[in-house]
Amino acid sequence: GRRTPRWRDWLGGYDPWLLLALTLLAVSGMVVLHSAGTADAQLAWRHGVRLAVGLLLLLVIAQMPPPWLRSVSPWLYLGSIALLLAVALFGEGRGAQSWLRIGPMRFQPSELVKLSLPMMLAWLLHAQPLPPRLGMLAAALLLTAVPVLLIAEQPDLGTAVLVAASAASLIFLAGLSWRWILGLLAMLAVAAPVIWHFLWEHQRNRVRTFLDPEADPL
């Protein structure tokens, strides 16, 4: 058979184009942060250190066998939900009550959901015929709705939308029929006025600024 190129051996089997894309994305993020933070070098440096730690964790997790990751997905999801419930009871933060303090450590459980929810949906759908049937689709939507609503209640609409988008992307890649996609979009459009009614004023202002950026020079 074909031999793997030496440079791929040197990378340990990682996809070089994926690593390059992630690196460029991280660097561009640091540039934007440096600009938005009034050119604060310390802010960019601390962010870079966190990115380096995240990269090391990525390389470690990438070595774990997929069957093992699949086996822990339900427990990771349930743990994430438990942490979100703890945030609802004991959370802290300015504006959004989205931080949880455990001893000296302070973190946002919603960040964990960005990983645990797609893993849980993959666990649910991996052994099912694709595209997913109505029952599986309903189960996937229920699993998605629980953390999304808990995060939106903090209130952290931005993270809730990102979590919902990650779930929607996975369901789409599972081969969801365009008929279902268009139907869900139509339902979302119909529900938009109701959703708008329950948004906080600062969340509405974000939507207004997105639609008309020149309305707010800052």
N, C-alpha and C. Protein backbone atom coordinates (compact mmCIF):
# COMPACT_ATOMS: atom_id res chain seq x y z
N GLY A 1 0.81 -1.20 0.00
CA GLY A 1 0.00 0.00 0.00
C GLY A 1 0.84 1.25 0.00
N ARG A 2 0.18 2.40 -0.07
CA ARG A 2 0.89 3.66 -0.09
C ARG A 2 1.46 3.98 1.28
N ARG A 3 2.69 4.46 1.28
CA ARG A 3 3.33 4.79 2.54
C ARG A 3 2.99 6.22 2.94
N THR A 4 2.74 6.41 4.24
CA THR A 4 2.46 7.75 4.74
C THR A 4 3.69 8.63 4.56
N PRO A 5 3.54 9.85 4.02
CA PRO A 5 4.70 10.74 3.86
C PRO A 5 5.41 10.98 5.19
N ARG A 6 6.74 11.18 5.11
CA ARG A 6 7.53 11.35 6.33
C ARG A 6 7.07 12.53 7.16
N TRP A 7 6.68 13.63 6.49
CA TRP A 7 6.27 14.80 7.26
C TRP A 7 5.01 14.52 8.05
N ARG A 8 4.16 13.60 7.57
CA ARG A 8 2.99 13.21 8.35
C ARG A 8 3.42 12.37 9.56
N ASP A 9 4.44 11.52 9.37
CA ASP A 9 4.99 10.77 10.51
C ASP A 9 5.51 11.73 11.57
N TRP A 10 6.17 12.79 11.13
CA TRP A 10 6.74 13.75 12.06
C TRP A 10 5.64 14.45 12.85
N LEU A 11 4.47 14.64 12.22
CA LEU A 11 3.34 15.27 12.90
C LEU A 11 2.57 14.30 13.79
N GLY A 12 2.99 13.04 13.81
CA GLY A 12 2.32 12.06 14.66
C GLY A 12 0.95 11.65 14.15
N GLY A 13 0.70 11.81 12.86
CA GLY A 13 -0.57 11.39 12.29
C GLY A 13 -1.64 12.46 12.30
N TYR A 14 -1.33 13.64 12.84
CA TYR A 14 -2.33 14.71 12.87
C TYR A 14 -2.52 15.29 11.47
N ASP A 15 -3.71 15.78 11.23
CA ASP A 15 -4.03 16.41 9.96
C ASP A 15 -3.34 17.77 9.89
N PRO A 16 -2.36 17.95 8.99
CA PRO A 16 -1.60 19.22 8.98
C PRO A 16 -2.46 20.41 8.59
N TRP A 17 -3.42 20.20 7.68
CA TRP A 17 -4.25 21.33 7.24
C TRP A 17 -5.20 21.77 8.35
N LEU A 18 -5.68 20.81 9.13
CA LEU A 18 -6.54 21.16 10.26
C LEU A 18 -5.73 21.93 11.32
N LEU A 19 -4.51 21.47 11.60
CA LEU A 19 -3.66 22.16 12.56
C LEU A 19 -3.33 23.57 12.08
N LEU A 20 -3.07 23.71 10.77
CA LEU A 20 -2.76 25.02 10.21
C LEU A 20 -3.96 25.96 10.34
N ALA A 21 -5.17 25.44 10.03
CA ALA A 21 -6.37 26.26 10.12
C ALA A 21 -6.62 26.70 11.56
N LEU A 22 -6.43 25.77 12.52
CA LEU A 22 -6.62 26.12 13.93
C LEU A 22 -5.60 27.16 14.38
N THR A 23 -4.36 27.02 13.92
CA THR A 23 -3.31 27.97 14.30
C THR A 23 -3.60 29.36 13.75
N LEU A 24 -4.00 29.43 12.47
CA LEU A 24 -4.33 30.72 11.88
C LEU A 24 -5.52 31.37 12.58
N LEU A 25 -6.51 30.55 12.93
CA LEU A 25 -7.68 31.07 13.64
C LEU A 25 -7.28 31.61 15.01
N ALA A 26 -6.42 30.88 15.73
CA ALA A 26 -5.98 31.32 17.05
C ALA A 26 -5.17 32.60 16.96
N VAL A 27 -4.28 32.69 15.97
CA VAL A 27 -3.45 33.89 15.83
C VAL A 27 -4.31 35.10 15.47
N SER A 28 -5.26 34.91 14.55
CA SER A 28 -6.14 36.03 14.19
C SER A 28 -6.96 36.47 15.39
N GLY A 29 -7.39 35.52 16.23
CA GLY A 29 -8.12 35.87 17.43
C GLY A 29 -7.28 36.69 18.39
N MET A 30 -5.99 36.34 18.51
CA MET A 30 -5.10 37.12 19.38
C MET A 30 -4.92 38.54 18.86
N VAL A 31 -4.83 38.67 17.53
CA VAL A 31 -4.68 40.00 16.94
C VAL A 31 -5.92 40.85 17.22
N VAL A 32 -7.10 40.25 17.05
CA VAL A 32 -8.33 40.99 17.32
C VAL A 32 -8.43 41.35 18.80
N LEU A 33 -8.06 40.42 19.68
CA LEU A 33 -8.10 40.69 21.12
C LEU A 33 -7.14 41.81 21.48
N HIS A 34 -5.95 41.79 20.89
CA HIS A 34 -4.96 42.83 21.15
C HIS A 34 -5.48 44.19 20.72
N SER A 35 -6.17 44.23 19.60
CA SER A 35 -6.73 45.49 19.10
C SER A 35 -7.89 45.96 19.96
N ALA A 36 -8.79 45.02 20.30
CA ALA A 36 -9.96 45.39 21.11
C ALA A 36 -9.58 45.74 22.54
N GLY A 37 -8.46 45.20 23.01
CA GLY A 37 -8.02 45.46 24.39
C GLY A 37 -7.09 46.64 24.50
N THR A 38 -7.24 47.62 23.61
CA THR A 38 -6.42 48.84 23.61
C THR A 38 -4.93 48.51 23.62
N ALA A 39 -4.57 47.52 22.77
CA ALA A 39 -3.17 47.13 22.58
C ALA A 39 -2.50 46.70 23.88
N ASP A 40 -3.24 46.02 24.74
CA ASP A 40 -2.70 45.53 26.01
C ASP A 40 -1.94 44.23 25.74
N ALA A 41 -0.61 44.29 25.80
CA ALA A 41 0.20 43.12 25.50
C ALA A 41 -0.01 42.01 26.52
N GLN A 42 -0.22 42.39 27.79
CA GLN A 42 -0.43 41.38 28.82
C GLN A 42 -1.70 40.59 28.58
N LEU A 43 -2.74 41.26 28.11
CA LEU A 43 -3.99 40.58 27.81
C LEU A 43 -3.79 39.55 26.70
N ALA A 44 -3.09 39.94 25.65
CA ALA A 44 -2.82 39.02 24.54
C ALA A 44 -1.91 37.88 25.00
N TRP A 45 -0.95 38.18 25.87
CA TRP A 45 -0.04 37.15 26.36
C TRP A 45 -0.78 36.10 27.19
N ARG A 46 -1.66 36.54 28.09
CA ARG A 46 -2.42 35.59 28.90
C ARG A 46 -3.32 34.72 28.02
N HIS A 47 -3.89 35.35 26.99
CA HIS A 47 -4.72 34.59 26.07
C HIS A 47 -3.87 33.56 25.32
N GLY A 48 -2.65 33.95 24.94
CA GLY A 48 -1.76 33.02 24.24
C GLY A 48 -1.38 31.82 25.11
N VAL A 49 -1.17 32.07 26.40
CA VAL A 49 -0.84 30.97 27.31
C VAL A 49 -2.01 29.99 27.39
N ARG A 50 -3.23 30.52 27.48
CA ARG A 50 -4.41 29.65 27.52
C ARG A 50 -4.54 28.85 26.22
N LEU A 51 -4.24 29.48 25.10
CA LEU A 51 -4.30 28.77 23.82
C LEU A 51 -3.28 27.64 23.78
N ALA A 52 -2.09 27.89 24.32
CA ALA A 52 -1.05 26.85 24.35
C ALA A 52 -1.49 25.67 25.20
N VAL A 53 -2.10 25.95 26.36
CA VAL A 53 -2.61 24.87 27.20
C VAL A 53 -3.71 24.11 26.47
N GLY A 54 -4.60 24.85 25.79
CA GLY A 54 -5.66 24.19 25.03
C GLY A 54 -5.11 23.32 23.91
N LEU A 55 -4.04 23.77 23.26
CA LEU A 55 -3.43 22.98 22.19
C LEU A 55 -2.86 21.67 22.73
N LEU A 56 -2.21 21.75 23.89
CA LEU A 56 -1.67 20.54 24.51
C LEU A 56 -2.79 19.55 24.85
N LEU A 57 -3.90 20.07 25.40
CA LEU A 57 -5.03 19.20 25.71
C LEU A 57 -5.61 18.59 24.44
N LEU A 58 -5.66 19.39 23.37
CA LEU A 58 -6.16 18.87 22.09
C LEU A 58 -5.31 17.70 21.62
N LEU A 59 -3.98 17.84 21.68
CA LEU A 59 -3.09 16.79 21.22
C LEU A 59 -3.22 15.52 22.07
N VAL A 60 -3.45 15.71 23.38
CA VAL A 60 -3.62 14.56 24.27
C VAL A 60 -4.93 13.84 23.99
N ILE A 61 -6.03 14.60 23.90
CA ILE A 61 -7.34 14.00 23.68
C ILE A 61 -7.41 13.32 22.31
N ALA A 62 -6.68 13.87 21.33
CA ALA A 62 -6.69 13.28 19.99
C ALA A 62 -6.09 11.88 19.97
N GLN A 63 -5.31 11.54 20.99
CA GLN A 63 -4.70 10.20 21.06
C GLN A 63 -5.64 9.18 21.71
N MET A 64 -6.75 9.63 22.27
CA MET A 64 -7.66 8.70 22.94
C MET A 64 -8.49 7.94 21.91
N PRO A 65 -8.68 6.64 22.09
CA PRO A 65 -9.43 5.84 21.11
C PRO A 65 -10.88 6.31 21.01
N PRO A 66 -11.42 6.44 19.81
CA PRO A 66 -12.82 6.86 19.65
C PRO A 66 -13.82 6.01 20.43
N PRO A 67 -13.66 4.66 20.52
CA PRO A 67 -14.62 3.90 21.34
C PRO A 67 -14.64 4.34 22.80
N TRP A 68 -13.47 4.71 23.33
CA TRP A 68 -13.44 5.18 24.72
C TRP A 68 -14.14 6.52 24.86
N LEU A 69 -13.90 7.44 23.90
CA LEU A 69 -14.58 8.73 23.93
C LEU A 69 -16.09 8.54 23.83
N ARG A 70 -16.52 7.58 23.01
CA ARG A 70 -17.95 7.32 22.88
C ARG A 70 -18.52 6.80 24.18
N SER A 71 -17.78 5.97 24.89
CA SER A 71 -18.29 5.37 26.12
C SER A 71 -18.46 6.40 27.23
N VAL A 72 -17.63 7.45 27.23
CA VAL A 72 -17.72 8.45 28.32
C VAL A 72 -18.65 9.61 27.95
N SER A 73 -19.12 9.66 26.71
CA SER A 73 -19.93 10.80 26.26
C SER A 73 -21.19 11.01 27.11
N PRO A 74 -21.98 9.96 27.42
CA PRO A 74 -23.17 10.20 28.25
C PRO A 74 -22.83 10.75 29.63
N TRP A 75 -21.75 10.26 30.22
CA TRP A 75 -21.37 10.73 31.55
C TRP A 75 -20.87 12.17 31.51
N LEU A 76 -20.16 12.51 30.44
CA LEU A 76 -19.69 13.88 30.29
C LEU A 76 -20.88 14.83 30.10
N TYR A 77 -21.87 14.38 29.33
CA TYR A 77 -23.07 15.20 29.11
C TYR A 77 -23.83 15.40 30.43
N LEU A 78 -24.07 14.31 31.17
CA LEU A 78 -24.79 14.41 32.43
C LEU A 78 -24.04 15.28 33.43
N GLY A 79 -22.71 15.16 33.44
CA GLY A 79 -21.92 16.01 34.33
C GLY A 79 -22.04 17.48 33.96
N SER A 80 -22.11 17.76 32.66
CA SER A 80 -22.27 19.14 32.21
C SER A 80 -23.62 19.71 32.64
N ILE A 81 -24.67 18.89 32.53
CA ILE A 81 -26.00 19.34 32.95
C ILE A 81 -26.02 19.60 34.45
N ALA A 82 -25.37 18.72 35.22
CA ALA A 82 -25.32 18.91 36.67
C ALA A 82 -24.60 20.21 37.02
N LEU A 83 -23.53 20.53 36.31
CA LEU A 83 -22.80 21.77 36.56
C LEU A 83 -23.65 22.99 36.18
N LEU A 84 -24.42 22.89 35.09
CA LEU A 84 -25.30 24.01 34.71
C LEU A 84 -26.38 24.22 35.77
N LEU A 85 -26.90 23.14 36.33
CA LEU A 85 -27.88 23.27 37.41
C LEU A 85 -27.24 23.91 38.64
N ALA A 86 -25.98 23.56 38.89
CA ALA A 86 -25.26 24.17 40.02
C ALA A 86 -25.07 25.66 39.78
N VAL A 87 -24.83 26.05 38.53
CA VAL A 87 -24.70 27.47 38.20
C VAL A 87 -26.01 28.20 38.49
N ALA A 88 -27.14 27.56 38.14
CA ALA A 88 -28.45 28.18 38.40
C ALA A 88 -28.67 28.42 39.89
N LEU A 89 -28.08 27.58 40.74
CA LEU A 89 -28.28 27.70 42.18
C LEU A 89 -27.19 28.54 42.86
N PHE A 90 -25.94 28.34 42.42
CA PHE A 90 -24.82 28.95 43.14
C PHE A 90 -23.91 29.78 42.25
N GLY A 91 -24.32 30.03 41.01
CA GLY A 91 -23.45 30.72 40.06
C GLY A 91 -23.18 32.16 40.45
N GLU A 92 -22.16 32.73 39.84
CA GLU A 92 -21.78 34.11 40.08
C GLU A 92 -21.33 34.73 38.77
N GLY A 93 -21.18 36.03 38.77
CA GLY A 93 -20.74 36.73 37.57
C GLY A 93 -21.37 38.10 37.48
N ARG A 94 -20.81 38.91 36.61
CA ARG A 94 -21.35 40.24 36.37
C ARG A 94 -22.23 40.18 35.13
N GLY A 95 -23.48 40.59 35.26
CA GLY A 95 -24.40 40.48 34.13
C GLY A 95 -24.97 39.08 34.08
N ALA A 96 -24.29 38.21 33.37
CA ALA A 96 -24.73 36.81 33.28
C ALA A 96 -24.18 36.02 34.46
N GLN A 97 -25.04 35.25 35.09
CA GLN A 97 -24.64 34.39 36.20
C GLN A 97 -24.20 33.05 35.62
N SER A 98 -22.98 33.03 35.06
CA SER A 98 -22.53 31.87 34.29
C SER A 98 -21.26 31.23 34.82
N TRP A 99 -20.70 31.75 35.92
CA TRP A 99 -19.47 31.22 36.48
C TRP A 99 -19.76 30.39 37.72
N LEU A 100 -18.95 29.35 37.89
CA LEU A 100 -19.08 28.48 39.06
C LEU A 100 -17.72 28.42 39.75
N ARG A 101 -17.72 28.59 41.05
CA ARG A 101 -16.48 28.54 41.82
C ARG A 101 -16.44 27.25 42.64
N ILE A 102 -15.39 26.48 42.45
CA ILE A 102 -15.15 25.27 43.23
C ILE A 102 -13.77 25.40 43.86
N GLY A 103 -13.74 25.76 45.14
CA GLY A 103 -12.46 26.03 45.80
C GLY A 103 -11.80 27.24 45.14
N PRO A 104 -10.52 27.13 44.79
CA PRO A 104 -9.83 28.26 44.16
C PRO A 104 -10.12 28.37 42.66
N MET A 105 -10.80 27.37 42.11
CA MET A 105 -11.02 27.34 40.66
C MET A 105 -12.36 27.98 40.30
N ARG A 106 -12.35 28.83 39.27
CA ARG A 106 -13.56 29.50 38.79
C ARG A 106 -13.66 29.27 37.29
N PHE A 107 -14.77 28.74 36.82
CA PHE A 107 -14.88 28.40 35.40
C PHE A 107 -16.33 28.48 34.96
N GLN A 108 -16.54 28.40 33.63
CA GLN A 108 -17.86 28.45 33.03
C GLN A 108 -18.25 27.05 32.54
N PRO A 109 -19.19 26.37 33.19
CA PRO A 109 -19.61 25.05 32.73
C PRO A 109 -20.16 25.05 31.31
N SER A 110 -20.68 26.20 30.86
CA SER A 110 -21.21 26.25 29.49
C SER A 110 -20.13 25.97 28.46
N GLU A 111 -18.86 26.25 28.79
CA GLU A 111 -17.78 25.94 27.86
C GLU A 111 -17.62 24.43 27.69
N LEU A 112 -17.85 23.68 28.75
CA LEU A 112 -17.77 22.22 28.67
C LEU A 112 -18.87 21.66 27.78
N VAL A 113 -20.04 22.31 27.78
CA VAL A 113 -21.17 21.85 26.98
C VAL A 113 -20.85 21.92 25.49
N LYS A 114 -19.99 22.84 25.10
CA LYS A 114 -19.61 22.95 23.69
C LYS A 114 -18.96 21.67 23.18
N LEU A 115 -18.39 20.89 24.10
CA LEU A 115 -17.81 19.60 23.74
C LEU A 115 -18.77 18.44 24.04
N SER A 116 -19.36 18.48 25.23
CA SER A 116 -20.15 17.33 25.68
C SER A 116 -21.42 17.13 24.87
N LEU A 117 -22.06 18.21 24.41
CA LEU A 117 -23.31 18.05 23.66
C LEU A 117 -23.07 17.42 22.28
N PRO A 118 -22.13 17.91 21.46
CA PRO A 118 -21.87 17.20 20.19
C PRO A 118 -21.45 15.75 20.39
N MET A 119 -20.66 15.47 21.45
CA MET A 119 -20.26 14.09 21.72
C MET A 119 -21.47 13.24 22.07
N MET A 120 -22.40 13.81 22.86
CA MET A 120 -23.60 13.08 23.24
C MET A 120 -24.47 12.79 22.02
N LEU A 121 -24.63 13.75 21.14
CA LEU A 121 -25.44 13.55 19.95
C LEU A 121 -24.78 12.52 19.02
N ALA A 122 -23.46 12.55 18.92
CA ALA A 122 -22.76 11.54 18.12
C ALA A 122 -22.97 10.15 18.72
N TRP A 123 -22.93 10.06 20.06
CA TRP A 123 -23.20 8.78 20.74
C TRP A 123 -24.61 8.29 20.42
N LEU A 124 -25.56 9.21 20.40
CA LEU A 124 -26.96 8.85 20.15
C LEU A 124 -27.16 8.35 18.72
N LEU A 125 -26.50 8.98 17.76
CA LEU A 125 -26.79 8.73 16.35
C LEU A 125 -25.84 7.73 15.68
N HIS A 126 -24.74 7.38 16.34
CA HIS A 126 -23.70 6.63 15.61
C HIS A 126 -24.17 5.25 15.16
N ALA A 127 -25.05 4.60 15.92
CA ALA A 127 -25.49 3.25 15.57
C ALA A 127 -26.86 3.25 14.88
N GLN A 128 -27.39 4.44 14.58
CA GLN A 128 -28.72 4.55 14.00
C GLN A 128 -28.62 4.68 12.48
N PRO A 129 -29.66 4.21 11.76
CA PRO A 129 -29.67 4.44 10.31
C PRO A 129 -29.77 5.93 10.02
N LEU A 130 -29.03 6.37 9.02
CA LEU A 130 -29.02 7.78 8.65
C LEU A 130 -29.65 7.98 7.28
N PRO A 131 -30.37 9.06 7.06
CA PRO A 131 -30.61 10.17 7.98
C PRO A 131 -31.46 9.76 9.18
N PRO A 132 -31.33 10.49 10.29
CA PRO A 132 -32.05 10.10 11.51
C PRO A 132 -33.56 10.15 11.32
N ARG A 133 -34.24 9.19 11.94
CA ARG A 133 -35.70 9.16 11.88
C ARG A 133 -36.28 10.18 12.85
N LEU A 134 -37.60 10.31 12.78
CA LEU A 134 -38.28 11.35 13.55
C LEU A 134 -38.04 11.16 15.05
N GLY A 135 -38.09 9.91 15.55
CA GLY A 135 -37.89 9.67 16.97
C GLY A 135 -36.49 10.07 17.43
N MET A 136 -35.48 9.71 16.63
CA MET A 136 -34.11 10.08 16.96
C MET A 136 -33.91 11.58 16.88
N LEU A 137 -34.54 12.19 15.89
CA LEU A 137 -34.43 13.64 15.75
C LEU A 137 -35.04 14.35 16.96
N ALA A 138 -36.19 13.84 17.42
CA ALA A 138 -36.84 14.43 18.60
C ALA A 138 -35.95 14.26 19.83
N ALA A 139 -35.33 13.09 19.97
CA ALA A 139 -34.43 12.86 21.11
C ALA A 139 -33.23 13.80 21.05
N ALA A 140 -32.68 13.99 19.84
CA ALA A 140 -31.53 14.89 19.68
C ALA A 140 -31.92 16.33 20.03
N LEU A 141 -33.10 16.75 19.62
CA LEU A 141 -33.56 18.11 19.92
C LEU A 141 -33.80 18.29 21.42
N LEU A 142 -34.30 17.25 22.08
CA LEU A 142 -34.52 17.33 23.53
C LEU A 142 -33.18 17.43 24.27
N LEU A 143 -32.21 16.60 23.86
CA LEU A 143 -30.88 16.66 24.48
C LEU A 143 -30.23 18.02 24.27
N THR A 144 -30.54 18.65 23.15
CA THR A 144 -29.99 19.97 22.85
C THR A 144 -30.70 21.06 23.65
N ALA A 145 -32.03 20.94 23.75
CA ALA A 145 -32.82 21.99 24.39
C ALA A 145 -32.47 22.16 25.86
N VAL A 146 -32.16 21.07 26.56
CA VAL A 146 -31.91 21.15 28.01
C VAL A 146 -30.73 22.08 28.31
N PRO A 147 -29.52 21.84 27.77
CA PRO A 147 -28.42 22.77 28.09
C PRO A 147 -28.61 24.15 27.49
N VAL A 148 -29.21 24.24 26.29
CA VAL A 148 -29.40 25.54 25.67
C VAL A 148 -30.30 26.43 26.52
N LEU A 149 -31.39 25.88 27.03
CA LEU A 149 -32.29 26.66 27.88
C LEU A 149 -31.63 27.04 29.20
N LEU A 150 -30.86 26.12 29.78
CA LEU A 150 -30.17 26.44 31.04
C LEU A 150 -29.15 27.55 30.85
N ILE A 151 -28.46 27.55 29.72
CA ILE A 151 -27.47 28.60 29.45
C ILE A 151 -28.17 29.92 29.15
N ALA A 152 -29.26 29.87 28.37
CA ALA A 152 -29.98 31.09 28.04
C ALA A 152 -30.58 31.73 29.29
N GLU A 153 -30.89 30.92 30.29
CA GLU A 153 -31.50 31.42 31.52
C GLU A 153 -30.49 32.18 32.38
N GLN A 154 -29.19 32.07 32.11
CA GLN A 154 -28.18 32.66 33.01
C GLN A 154 -28.22 34.19 33.11
N PRO A 155 -28.47 35.05 32.18
CA PRO A 155 -28.71 34.79 30.77
C PRO A 155 -27.43 34.95 29.95
N ASP A 156 -27.13 33.99 29.08
CA ASP A 156 -25.98 34.06 28.19
C ASP A 156 -26.43 33.59 26.81
N LEU A 157 -27.11 34.48 26.11
CA LEU A 157 -27.71 34.10 24.83
C LEU A 157 -26.65 33.75 23.80
N GLY A 158 -25.52 34.47 23.81
CA GLY A 158 -24.48 34.21 22.83
C GLY A 158 -23.97 32.78 22.89
N THR A 159 -23.64 32.32 24.10
CA THR A 159 -23.16 30.95 24.26
C THR A 159 -24.26 29.95 23.96
N ALA A 160 -25.50 30.26 24.33
CA ALA A 160 -26.62 29.36 24.03
C ALA A 160 -26.77 29.17 22.53
N VAL A 161 -26.62 30.25 21.77
CA VAL A 161 -26.73 30.16 20.31
C VAL A 161 -25.58 29.33 19.75
N LEU A 162 -24.36 29.51 20.28
CA LEU A 162 -23.22 28.72 19.81
C LEU A 162 -23.42 27.23 20.09
N VAL A 163 -23.91 26.90 21.28
CA VAL A 163 -24.15 25.51 21.63
C VAL A 163 -25.22 24.91 20.72
N ALA A 164 -26.30 25.67 20.48
CA ALA A 164 -27.35 25.19 19.58
C ALA A 164 -26.81 25.01 18.16
N ALA A 165 -25.94 25.91 17.72
CA ALA A 165 -25.37 25.81 16.38
C ALA A 165 -24.48 24.58 16.24
N SER A 166 -23.73 24.25 17.29
CA SER A 166 -22.88 23.05 17.23
C SER A 166 -23.73 21.79 17.11
N ALA A 167 -24.86 21.76 17.83
CA ALA A 167 -25.77 20.62 17.73
C ALA A 167 -26.41 20.56 16.36
N ALA A 168 -26.82 21.71 15.84
CA ALA A 168 -27.45 21.75 14.52
C ALA A 168 -26.49 21.29 13.43
N SER A 169 -25.20 21.66 13.57
CA SER A 169 -24.20 21.24 12.59
C SER A 169 -24.05 19.72 12.58
N LEU A 170 -24.02 19.12 13.77
CA LEU A 170 -23.86 17.66 13.85
C LEU A 170 -25.07 16.95 13.25
N ILE A 171 -26.27 17.44 13.58
CA ILE A 171 -27.48 16.82 13.03
C ILE A 171 -27.52 16.98 11.51
N PHE A 172 -27.08 18.13 11.02
CA PHE A 172 -27.03 18.36 9.57
C PHE A 172 -26.07 17.38 8.90
N LEU A 173 -24.88 17.19 9.50
CA LEU A 173 -23.90 16.27 8.93
C LEU A 173 -24.34 14.82 9.01
N ALA A 174 -25.31 14.53 9.88
CA ALA A 174 -25.85 13.17 9.96
C ALA A 174 -26.76 12.86 8.78
N GLY A 175 -26.99 13.84 7.92
CA GLY A 175 -27.77 13.59 6.71
C GLY A 175 -29.22 14.00 6.83
N LEU A 176 -29.48 15.04 7.62
CA LEU A 176 -30.86 15.48 7.82
C LEU A 176 -31.45 15.94 6.49
N SER A 177 -32.67 15.53 6.25
CA SER A 177 -33.36 15.88 5.00
C SER A 177 -33.56 17.40 4.92
N TRP A 178 -33.42 17.94 3.70
CA TRP A 178 -33.65 19.36 3.51
C TRP A 178 -35.08 19.74 3.86
N ARG A 179 -36.01 18.82 3.72
CA ARG A 179 -37.39 19.10 4.09
C ARG A 179 -37.49 19.43 5.57
N TRP A 180 -36.76 18.65 6.41
CA TRP A 180 -36.75 18.93 7.84
C TRP A 180 -36.03 20.23 8.15
N ILE A 181 -34.93 20.48 7.45
CA ILE A 181 -34.16 21.71 7.69
C ILE A 181 -35.02 22.94 7.40
N LEU A 182 -35.69 22.93 6.24
CA LEU A 182 -36.54 24.06 5.89
C LEU A 182 -37.71 24.20 6.86
N GLY A 183 -38.25 23.07 7.30
CA GLY A 183 -39.35 23.11 8.26
C GLY A 183 -38.92 23.72 9.58
N LEU A 184 -37.72 23.33 10.06
CA LEU A 184 -37.22 23.88 11.32
C LEU A 184 -36.93 25.38 11.19
N LEU A 185 -36.38 25.79 10.04
CA LEU A 185 -36.13 27.21 9.82
C LEU A 185 -37.44 28.00 9.79
N ALA A 186 -38.46 27.41 9.18
CA ALA A 186 -39.77 28.08 9.14
C ALA A 186 -40.34 28.22 10.55
N MET A 187 -40.19 27.17 11.38
CA MET A 187 -40.67 27.24 12.76
C MET A 187 -39.92 28.32 13.54
N LEU A 188 -38.61 28.40 13.29
CA LEU A 188 -37.81 29.42 13.98
C LEU A 188 -38.26 30.82 13.57
N ALA A 189 -38.55 31.00 12.28
CA ALA A 189 -38.99 32.31 11.80
C ALA A 189 -40.33 32.69 12.43
N VAL A 190 -41.22 31.72 12.55
CA VAL A 190 -42.53 31.99 13.15
C VAL A 190 -42.37 32.33 14.64
N ALA A 191 -41.42 31.65 15.30
CA ALA A 191 -41.23 31.86 16.74
C ALA A 191 -40.39 33.09 17.06
N ALA A 192 -39.78 33.71 16.04
CA ALA A 192 -38.87 34.84 16.28
C ALA A 192 -39.52 35.97 17.08
N PRO A 193 -40.75 36.39 16.77
CA PRO A 193 -41.35 37.47 17.58
C PRO A 193 -41.52 37.09 19.05
N VAL A 194 -41.86 35.82 19.31
CA VAL A 194 -42.01 35.37 20.70
C VAL A 194 -40.65 35.38 21.40
N ILE A 195 -39.61 34.89 20.69
CA ILE A 195 -38.27 34.88 21.25
C ILE A 195 -37.81 36.31 21.55
N TRP A 196 -38.09 37.23 20.63
CA TRP A 196 -37.70 38.63 20.81
C TRP A 196 -38.33 39.21 22.07
N HIS A 197 -39.56 38.83 22.34
CA HIS A 197 -40.27 39.35 23.51
C HIS A 197 -39.57 38.96 24.81
N PHE A 198 -38.93 37.78 24.83
CA PHE A 198 -38.31 37.30 26.07
C PHE A 198 -36.83 37.67 26.18
N LEU A 199 -36.28 38.37 25.18
CA LEU A 199 -34.88 38.77 25.25
C LEU A 199 -34.71 39.94 26.20
N TRP A 200 -33.52 39.99 26.84
CA TRP A 200 -33.16 41.16 27.65
C TRP A 200 -32.82 42.30 26.70
N GLU A 201 -32.87 43.53 27.22
CA GLU A 201 -32.65 44.69 26.36
C GLU A 201 -31.25 44.70 25.77
N HIS A 202 -30.22 44.29 26.55
CA HIS A 202 -28.87 44.29 26.00
C HIS A 202 -28.73 43.24 24.90
N GLN A 203 -29.51 42.16 24.98
CA GLN A 203 -29.48 41.15 23.93
C GLN A 203 -30.15 41.69 22.66
N ARG A 204 -31.24 42.43 22.84
CA ARG A 204 -31.89 43.05 21.68
C ARG A 204 -30.94 44.06 21.01
N ASN A 205 -30.20 44.80 21.84
CA ASN A 205 -29.27 45.78 21.28
C ASN A 205 -28.17 45.10 20.47
N ARG A 206 -27.75 43.93 20.88
CA ARG A 206 -26.75 43.20 20.09
C ARG A 206 -27.30 42.83 18.72
N VAL A 207 -28.55 42.39 18.69
CA VAL A 207 -29.18 42.05 17.41
C VAL A 207 -29.31 43.30 16.54
N ARG A 208 -29.74 44.41 17.14
CA ARG A 208 -29.89 45.66 16.39
C ARG A 208 -28.54 46.11 15.82
N THR A 209 -27.47 46.00 16.63
CA THR A 209 -26.15 46.41 16.16
C THR A 209 -25.65 45.49 15.06
N PHE A 210 -25.97 44.21 15.15
CA PHE A 210 -25.57 43.27 14.10
C PHE A 210 -26.25 43.63 12.78
N LEU A 211 -27.53 43.99 12.84
CA LEU A 211 -28.27 44.32 11.63
C LEU A 211 -27.91 45.70 11.09
N ASP A 212 -27.49 46.61 11.99
CA ASP A 212 -27.13 47.98 11.58
C ASP A 212 -25.91 48.42 12.37
N PRO A 213 -24.71 47.97 11.97
CA PRO A 213 -23.50 48.27 12.75
C PRO A 213 -23.21 49.76 12.89
N GLU A 214 -23.59 50.57 11.92
CA GLU A 214 -23.29 52.00 11.97
C GLU A 214 -24.14 52.74 13.01
N ALA A 215 -25.18 52.06 13.52
CA ALA A 215 -26.02 52.70 14.52
C ALA A 215 -25.29 52.90 15.84
N ASP A 216 -24.23 52.12 16.08
CA ASP A 216 -23.47 52.22 17.33
C ASP A 216 -21.98 52.25 17.00
N PRO A 217 -21.37 53.43 16.93
CA PRO A 217 -19.94 53.53 16.56
C PRO A 217 -19.03 52.75 17.50
N LEU A 218 -19.45 52.50 18.74
CA LEU A 218 -18.61 51.78 19.71
C LEU A 218 -18.77 50.29 19.62
